[in-house]
Amino acid sequence: MHLSELKAHHVSTLLDMANADGIEGANRLRKQELIFALL
């Protein structure tokens, strides 16, 4: 997924994606941090 696509998503969507990917502590990350964790 491209950076521009991730930026267009709402934080709750990014959080769901991060949890699905097994990123620990995702609920404590800011939007920008979530985006880079998903990349």
C-alpha atoms as a PDB file:
ATOM      1  CA  MET A   1       0.000   0.000   0.000  1.00  0.00           C
ATOM      2  CA  HIS A   2       1.266   3.476  -0.834  1.00  0.00           C
ATOM      3  CA  LEU A   3       1.806   6.294   1.630  1.00  0.00           C
ATOM      4  CA  SER A   4      -0.853   8.471  -0.008  1.00  0.00           C
ATOM      5  CA  GLU A   5      -3.419   5.666   0.326  1.00  0.00           C
ATOM      6  CA  LEU A   6      -2.671   5.244   4.016  1.00  0.00           C
ATOM      7  CA  LYS A   7      -2.879   8.990   4.662  1.00  0.00           C
ATOM      8  CA  ALA A   8      -6.403   9.012   3.212  1.00  0.00           C
ATOM      9  CA  HIS A   9      -7.634   6.452   5.771  1.00  0.00           C
ATOM     10  CA  HIS A  10      -9.230   7.392   9.085  1.00  0.00           C
ATOM     11  CA  VAL A  11      -7.248   6.607  12.241  1.00  0.00           C
ATOM     12  CA  SER A  12      -9.712   3.893  13.282  1.00  0.00           C
ATOM     13  CA  THR A  13      -9.201   2.120   9.952  1.00  0.00           C
ATOM     14  CA  LEU A  14      -5.430   2.319  10.330  1.00  0.00           C
ATOM     15  CA  LEU A  15      -5.744   0.964  13.856  1.00  0.00           C
ATOM     16  CA  ASP A  16      -7.778  -2.010  12.619  1.00  0.00           C
ATOM     17  CA  MET A  17      -5.179  -2.667   9.924  1.00  0.00           C
ATOM     18  CA  ALA A  18      -2.339  -2.469  12.445  1.00  0.00           C
ATOM     19  CA  ASN A  19      -4.063  -4.876  14.807  1.00  0.00           C
ATOM     20  CA  ALA A  20      -4.686  -7.293  11.931  1.00  0.00           C
ATOM     21  CA  ASP A  21      -0.972  -7.128  11.063  1.00  0.00           C
ATOM     22  CA  GLY A  22      -0.032  -7.905  14.663  1.00  0.00           C
ATOM     23  CA  ILE A  23       1.602  -4.560  15.429  1.00  0.00           C
ATOM     24  CA  GLU A  24       1.875  -4.433  19.216  1.00  0.00           C
ATOM     25  CA  GLY A  25       0.832  -1.279  21.027  1.00  0.00           C
ATOM     26  CA  ALA A  26      -0.915   0.096  17.953  1.00  0.00           C
ATOM     27  CA  ASN A  27      -3.593   1.733  20.089  1.00  0.00           C
ATOM     28  CA  ARG A  28      -0.922   4.006  21.600  1.00  0.00           C
ATOM     29  CA  LEU A  29       0.456   5.239  18.279  1.00  0.00           C
ATOM     30  CA  ARG A  30      -0.409   8.503  16.569  1.00  0.00           C
ATOM     31  CA  LYS A  31      -1.719   8.455  13.001  1.00  0.00           C
ATOM     32  CA  GLN A  32       1.693   9.216  11.500  1.00  0.00           C
ATOM     33  CA  GLU A  33       3.298   6.464  13.568  1.00  0.00           C
ATOM     34  CA  LEU A  34       0.595   3.990  12.533  1.00  0.00           C
ATOM     35  CA  ILE A  35       1.188   4.800   8.878  1.00  0.00           C
ATOM     36  CA  PHE A  36       4.918   4.123   9.106  1.00  0.00           C
ATOM     37  CA  ALA A  37       4.379   0.976  11.179  1.00  0.00           C
ATOM     38  CA  LEU A  38       2.109  -0.322   8.413  1.00  0.00           C
ATOM     39  CA  LEU A  39       4.637   0.461   5.696  1.00  0.00           C
END
